Protein backbone atom coordinates (compact mmCIF):
# COMPACT_ATOMS: atom_id res chain seq x y z
CA UNK A 1 202.96 109.12 117.13
CA UNK A 2 199.82 110.93 118.43
CA UNK A 3 197.12 109.61 120.77
CA UNK A 4 193.59 110.70 120.94
CA UNK A 5 192.03 111.20 124.43
CA UNK A 6 188.44 110.13 124.36
CA UNK A 7 186.01 112.29 126.32
CA UNK A 8 184.07 110.35 128.85
CA UNK A 9 180.45 109.98 127.93
CA UNK A 10 177.86 110.78 130.63
CA UNK A 11 175.66 107.65 130.81
CA UNK A 12 173.26 109.25 133.24
CA UNK A 13 172.82 108.81 137.01
CA UNK A 14 173.23 105.42 138.57
CA UNK A 15 170.67 106.36 141.18
CA UNK A 16 168.00 108.96 141.56
CA UNK A 17 167.45 110.38 145.08
CA UNK A 18 165.05 112.80 146.59
CA UNK A 19 166.10 115.04 149.60
CA UNK A 20 162.75 114.72 151.47
CA UNK A 21 162.10 117.27 154.16
CA UNK A 22 158.46 116.43 154.32
CA UNK A 23 157.57 120.13 153.95
CA UNK A 24 155.65 121.85 151.20
CA UNK A 25 158.22 121.83 148.40
CA UNK A 26 159.74 118.43 148.82
CA UNK A 27 156.31 116.85 149.28
CA UNK A 28 155.29 118.34 145.91
CA UNK A 29 158.42 116.86 144.29
CA UNK A 30 157.66 113.41 145.66
CA UNK A 31 154.06 113.52 144.49
CA UNK A 32 155.15 114.69 141.08
CA UNK A 33 157.36 111.63 140.82
CA UNK A 34 154.55 109.36 142.07
CA UNK A 35 152.37 110.74 139.23
CA UNK A 36 155.11 110.27 136.60
CA UNK A 37 155.42 114.01 135.90
CA UNK A 38 159.11 113.77 136.65
CA UNK A 39 161.41 110.63 136.69
CA UNK A 40 160.67 108.23 139.51
CA UNK A 41 163.19 108.17 142.48
CA UNK A 42 164.96 105.01 143.58
CA UNK A 43 164.71 106.28 147.15
CA UNK A 44 163.54 109.31 149.12
CA UNK A 45 165.81 110.22 152.02
CA UNK A 46 164.51 112.00 155.07
CA UNK A 47 167.28 113.45 157.28
CA UNK A 48 165.84 113.37 160.77
CA UNK A 49 167.23 116.03 163.21
CA UNK A 50 165.67 114.12 166.20
CA UNK A 51 163.56 117.15 167.04
CA UNK A 52 161.01 117.39 164.22
CA UNK A 53 157.45 118.77 164.80
CA UNK A 54 154.67 116.16 165.16
CA UNK A 55 153.07 117.55 162.06
CA UNK A 56 156.15 116.87 159.96
CA UNK A 57 156.40 113.25 161.20
CA UNK A 58 152.69 112.75 160.56
CA UNK A 59 153.12 113.97 157.02
CA UNK A 60 156.27 111.85 156.59
CA UNK A 61 154.32 108.71 157.65
CA UNK A 62 151.58 109.46 155.18
CA UNK A 63 153.97 110.25 152.41
CA UNK A 64 155.96 107.04 152.98
CA UNK A 65 152.80 104.94 152.64
CA UNK A 66 151.83 106.83 149.49
CA UNK A 67 155.20 106.62 147.90
CA UNK A 68 155.61 102.89 148.66
CA UNK A 69 152.48 102.27 146.71
CA UNK A 70 154.17 103.89 143.71
CA UNK A 71 157.38 102.04 144.12
CA UNK A 72 159.46 104.74 145.90
CA UNK A 73 160.87 103.67 149.28
CA UNK A 74 161.30 106.37 151.87
CA UNK A 75 164.32 105.98 154.22
CA UNK A 76 165.56 107.93 157.15
CA UNK A 77 169.17 109.00 157.86
CA UNK A 78 170.41 111.00 160.88
CA UNK A 79 173.45 112.81 162.20
CA UNK A 80 172.17 112.62 165.79
CA UNK A 81 169.61 114.51 167.91
CA UNK A 82 169.98 118.25 167.49
CA UNK A 83 168.37 119.01 170.89
CA UNK A 84 170.42 116.50 172.78
CA UNK A 85 173.60 117.75 171.16
CA UNK A 86 172.80 121.39 171.92
CA UNK A 87 172.36 120.46 175.57
CA UNK A 88 175.53 118.31 175.76
CA UNK A 89 178.59 120.20 176.84
CA UNK A 90 180.78 117.54 175.21
CA UNK A 91 179.35 118.34 171.83
CA UNK A 92 181.80 120.44 169.72
CA UNK A 93 179.47 123.41 169.56
CA UNK A 94 175.78 124.39 169.30
CA UNK A 95 174.93 124.63 165.62
CA UNK A 96 171.46 126.15 166.02
CA UNK A 97 171.06 130.02 165.73
CA UNK A 98 170.34 130.35 169.47
CA UNK A 99 170.32 133.70 171.13
CA UNK A 100 173.11 133.99 173.75
CA UNK A 101 173.84 136.09 176.76
CA UNK A 102 177.61 136.74 176.95
CA UNK A 103 179.65 137.04 180.14
CA UNK A 104 179.88 140.80 179.71
CA UNK A 105 176.12 141.15 179.46
CA UNK A 106 176.02 141.64 175.75
CA UNK A 107 173.72 139.52 173.56
CA UNK A 108 174.75 137.44 170.59
CA UNK A 109 173.54 134.78 168.11
CA UNK A 110 175.13 131.43 167.61
CA UNK A 111 176.16 130.44 164.09
CA UNK A 112 173.54 128.76 162.04
CA UNK A 113 175.07 125.47 160.87
CA UNK A 114 172.24 123.06 161.72
CA UNK A 115 171.11 122.62 158.15
CA UNK A 116 174.53 121.55 157.01
CA UNK A 117 175.23 119.39 159.99
CA UNK A 118 171.92 117.61 160.42
CA UNK A 119 170.29 117.73 156.95
CA UNK A 120 172.93 118.07 154.15
CA UNK A 121 175.74 116.05 155.62
CA UNK A 122 173.83 112.84 156.40
CA UNK A 123 172.38 112.86 152.82
CA UNK A 124 175.91 113.26 151.38
CA UNK A 125 177.15 110.35 153.48
CA UNK A 126 174.25 108.22 152.45
CA UNK A 127 174.76 108.67 148.69
CA UNK A 128 177.98 106.65 148.23
CA UNK A 129 176.63 103.79 150.33
CA UNK A 130 173.51 103.65 148.24
CA UNK A 131 175.68 103.67 145.10
CA UNK A 132 177.43 100.66 146.49
CA UNK A 133 180.65 102.34 147.57
CA UNK A 134 180.55 102.68 151.44
CA UNK A 135 183.33 104.55 153.15
CA UNK A 136 186.29 104.26 152.71
CA UNK A 137 185.80 102.98 149.09
CA UNK A 138 186.02 105.70 146.51
CA UNK A 139 183.20 106.18 144.04
CA UNK A 140 184.60 105.67 140.56
CA UNK A 141 184.80 108.70 138.22
CA UNK A 142 181.67 109.01 136.11
CA UNK A 143 179.42 107.17 138.62
CA UNK A 144 177.07 109.49 140.40
CA UNK A 145 173.66 109.89 141.96
CA UNK A 146 171.18 112.58 140.98
CA UNK A 147 169.60 114.24 144.00
CA UNK A 148 166.42 116.21 143.58
CA UNK A 149 165.91 119.10 146.03
CA UNK A 150 162.63 120.85 146.63
CA UNK A 151 163.60 124.49 145.96
CA UNK A 152 160.92 126.61 144.22
CA UNK A 153 161.33 129.48 141.88
CA UNK A 154 160.77 132.16 144.58
CA UNK A 155 163.89 130.87 146.48
CA UNK A 156 166.12 130.01 143.41
CA UNK A 157 169.16 131.60 145.09
CA UNK A 158 169.36 128.56 147.40
CA UNK A 159 169.85 126.25 144.44
CA UNK A 160 173.52 125.10 144.61
CA UNK A 161 175.73 122.24 143.47
CA UNK A 162 176.60 119.55 146.01
CA UNK A 163 180.29 120.06 145.59
CA UNK A 164 180.76 116.34 145.16
CA UNK A 165 181.50 114.49 141.89
CA UNK A 166 179.30 111.53 142.83
CA UNK A 167 176.26 113.69 143.76
CA UNK A 168 174.58 116.06 141.35
CA UNK A 169 171.80 118.28 142.54
CA UNK A 170 168.65 118.90 140.36
CA UNK A 171 165.76 121.22 141.04
CA UNK A 172 162.54 119.95 139.43
CA UNK A 173 160.35 122.77 140.81
CA UNK A 174 162.50 125.42 139.20
CA UNK A 175 162.50 123.45 135.95
CA UNK A 176 158.63 123.29 136.15
CA UNK A 177 158.21 126.91 137.13
CA UNK A 178 156.58 126.09 140.51
CA UNK A 179 156.75 128.74 143.23
CA UNK A 180 155.61 127.99 146.81
CA UNK A 181 152.09 129.14 146.15
CA UNK A 182 151.76 126.78 143.14
CA UNK A 183 153.12 123.98 145.36
CA UNK A 184 150.43 124.63 147.97
CA UNK A 185 147.75 124.63 145.26
CA UNK A 186 149.17 121.37 143.93
CA UNK A 187 149.10 119.73 147.41
CA UNK A 188 145.62 120.96 148.18
CA UNK A 189 144.35 119.41 144.96
CA UNK A 190 145.70 116.07 146.08
CA UNK A 191 144.57 116.08 149.70
CA UNK A 192 147.86 117.24 151.15
CA UNK A 193 146.81 120.81 151.76
CA UNK A 194 147.71 120.58 155.56
CA UNK A 195 151.40 120.04 154.84
CA UNK A 196 153.49 122.37 157.10
CA UNK A 197 156.84 124.04 156.68
CA UNK A 198 159.65 121.59 157.51
CA UNK A 199 161.89 122.89 160.33
CA UNK A 200 162.89 121.47 163.65
CA UNK A 201 160.99 122.46 166.80
CA UNK A 202 163.80 124.63 168.07
CA UNK A 203 164.31 126.58 164.91
CA UNK A 204 164.39 130.34 165.75
CA UNK A 205 164.10 131.14 162.02
CA UNK A 206 160.39 130.54 162.38
CA UNK A 207 157.94 133.30 163.16
CA UNK A 208 155.49 133.18 166.12
CA UNK A 209 152.51 132.38 163.92
CA UNK A 210 154.16 129.29 162.62
CA UNK A 211 155.08 128.20 166.17
CA UNK A 212 151.50 128.62 167.28
CA UNK A 213 150.25 126.66 164.30
CA UNK A 214 152.51 123.76 165.01
CA UNK A 215 152.90 123.72 168.69
CA UNK A 216 149.79 125.14 170.38
CA UNK A 217 148.56 121.60 171.00
CA UNK A 218 151.47 121.08 173.44
CA UNK A 219 149.99 123.51 175.98
CA UNK A 220 146.38 123.26 177.13
CA UNK A 221 145.80 126.92 177.81
CA UNK A 222 142.36 126.36 179.35
CA UNK A 223 144.15 125.06 182.42
CA UNK A 224 146.15 128.29 182.85
CA UNK A 225 143.91 131.22 181.89
CA UNK A 226 146.06 133.83 183.67
CA UNK A 227 149.20 132.50 182.00
CA UNK A 228 147.46 132.67 178.62
CA UNK A 229 146.55 136.35 179.15
CA UNK A 230 150.09 137.33 180.22
CA UNK A 231 152.24 137.59 177.07
CA UNK A 232 155.60 136.98 178.70
CA UNK A 233 154.35 134.07 180.85
CA UNK A 234 152.66 132.56 177.85
CA UNK A 235 155.76 132.85 175.71
CA UNK A 236 157.83 131.26 178.50
CA UNK A 237 155.49 128.32 179.11
CA UNK A 238 155.30 127.68 175.30
CA UNK A 239 159.05 127.74 175.13
CA UNK A 240 159.19 125.26 178.07
CA UNK A 241 156.96 122.88 176.14
CA UNK A 242 158.86 123.44 172.88
CA UNK A 243 162.21 122.24 174.35
CA UNK A 244 160.69 118.92 175.21
CA UNK A 245 159.97 119.13 178.86
CA UNK A 246 157.70 116.36 180.15
CA UNK A 247 153.98 117.12 180.12
CA UNK A 248 153.74 116.82 183.95
CA UNK A 249 156.54 119.38 184.25
CA UNK A 250 154.86 121.83 181.82
CA UNK A 251 151.60 121.36 183.77
CA UNK A 252 153.18 121.94 187.15
CA UNK A 253 155.00 125.05 185.87
CA UNK A 254 151.81 126.36 184.31
CA UNK A 255 149.89 125.96 187.53
CA UNK A 256 152.79 127.49 189.46
CA UNK A 257 152.95 130.63 187.41
CA UNK A 258 149.17 130.87 187.29
CA UNK A 259 149.08 130.82 191.06
CA UNK A 260 151.78 133.49 191.29
CA UNK A 261 149.97 135.72 188.77
CA UNK A 262 146.76 135.34 190.84
CA UNK A 263 148.61 136.46 193.95
CA UNK A 264 150.12 139.39 192.22
CA UNK A 265 146.68 140.56 190.99
CA UNK A 266 145.45 140.53 194.55
CA UNK A 267 148.10 142.96 195.73
CA UNK A 268 148.06 145.05 192.51
CA UNK A 269 151.42 144.15 190.95
CA UNK A 270 152.95 142.03 188.18
CA UNK A 271 155.77 139.50 188.21
CA UNK A 272 157.95 141.96 186.31
CA UNK A 273 157.52 144.65 188.96
CA UNK A 274 157.41 142.38 191.95
CA UNK A 275 160.26 142.75 194.41
CA UNK A 276 161.75 139.79 196.35
CA UNK A 277 159.56 140.64 199.27
CA UNK A 278 156.49 140.06 197.09
CA UNK A 279 157.78 136.63 196.16
CA UNK A 280 158.42 135.90 199.84
CA UNK A 281 154.83 137.04 200.62
CA UNK A 282 153.55 134.62 197.98
CA UNK A 283 155.48 131.76 199.51
CA UNK A 284 154.16 132.68 202.92
CA UNK A 285 150.65 132.75 201.61
CA UNK A 286 151.03 129.23 200.24
CA UNK A 287 152.12 128.09 203.73
CA UNK A 288 148.97 129.63 205.29
CA UNK A 289 146.34 128.42 202.82
CA UNK A 290 143.86 125.68 203.69
CA UNK A 291 145.10 122.31 202.55
CA UNK A 292 142.63 120.32 200.41
CA UNK A 293 143.70 117.19 202.41
CA UNK A 294 143.17 118.86 205.74
CA UNK A 295 145.19 121.25 207.89
CA UNK A 296 146.86 124.46 206.92
CA UNK A 297 149.39 125.14 204.15
CA UNK A 298 150.09 123.40 200.90
CA UNK A 299 152.51 120.42 200.89
CA UNK A 300 156.13 121.35 200.99
CA UNK A 301 156.73 119.40 197.72
CA UNK A 302 153.95 121.45 195.98
CA UNK A 303 155.41 124.75 197.27
CA UNK A 304 158.96 123.78 196.09
CA UNK A 305 157.71 122.87 192.60
CA UNK A 306 155.82 126.24 192.30
CA UNK A 307 158.90 128.14 193.46
CA UNK A 308 161.07 126.39 190.81
CA UNK A 309 158.48 127.20 188.10
CA UNK A 310 158.22 130.86 189.07
CA UNK A 311 161.98 131.18 189.38
CA UNK A 312 162.39 129.86 185.86
CA UNK A 313 159.92 132.47 184.58
CA UNK A 314 161.70 135.31 186.48
CA UNK A 315 165.14 134.25 185.26
CA UNK A 316 163.76 134.12 181.74
CA UNK A 317 162.37 137.64 182.11
CA UNK A 318 165.67 138.96 183.37
CA UNK A 319 167.60 137.62 180.39
CA UNK A 320 164.86 138.81 178.05
CA UNK A 321 164.11 135.28 176.82
CA UNK A 322 167.63 134.93 175.35
CA UNK A 323 169.03 131.81 177.07
């Protein structure tokens, strides 16, 4: 007696998802779905690292409202706060590609695993739940979600399978022949021309022009003209703002370094060349200045804050900005 094994028939995805980063490519994919150029998504998922630029969140809010009007809900998932985890010694390791200074004085670079940990993994965990099979239930064979990812033709080498039977990746931009430039044209035609690249604030894969575009609003340079004119001091203060320090801290540090730069100018030196006796002279000078509230010398609390700010700059200069 013989038996015939029937080959399972693919009945199509049970769910259509969009991996939404709120950057140029994924925004294009979402708008294409809203316009009916590609199949509509059941849900668009934004994996929040907890440290996204303001411009990305602003675009996400606008996209969510636009997509809702076209019947596509936008939901957020998260694997935690990437900044808090990086600063937490109890966290298993830092997954950002941070520059490091080793004990022997050599420099290194931490492994870049942040995309997998904070972007890809939360989306993979969300898929079975949305399919109706939350952990630990197994997704039945043949049941799967289709996940669209915004990868354009100029970066086609990034297009990969999910590695999971219940999640199949598709790449609409590649299918349509869209490169990044075409995506930007498409967005501009629809009033989304200000869409920025999606990457967390601390991403060292950015270049300086992108950081200035996204983050210059964090520092009010008109308050610290000498800091703005000094490349190393400017980079340090921008970094201080980028890592999420409170505005009053950034302001205090900016004024502190500006004051130190002014003192260095009066004696013909720079912070890089200044010896400890120059720093001591600067501190002594603050103790001898007229106090705006009467008397002589700045308040001890003001002097201490300025010392802390300048010490932070000098330590940063010693390590070459590689913390």
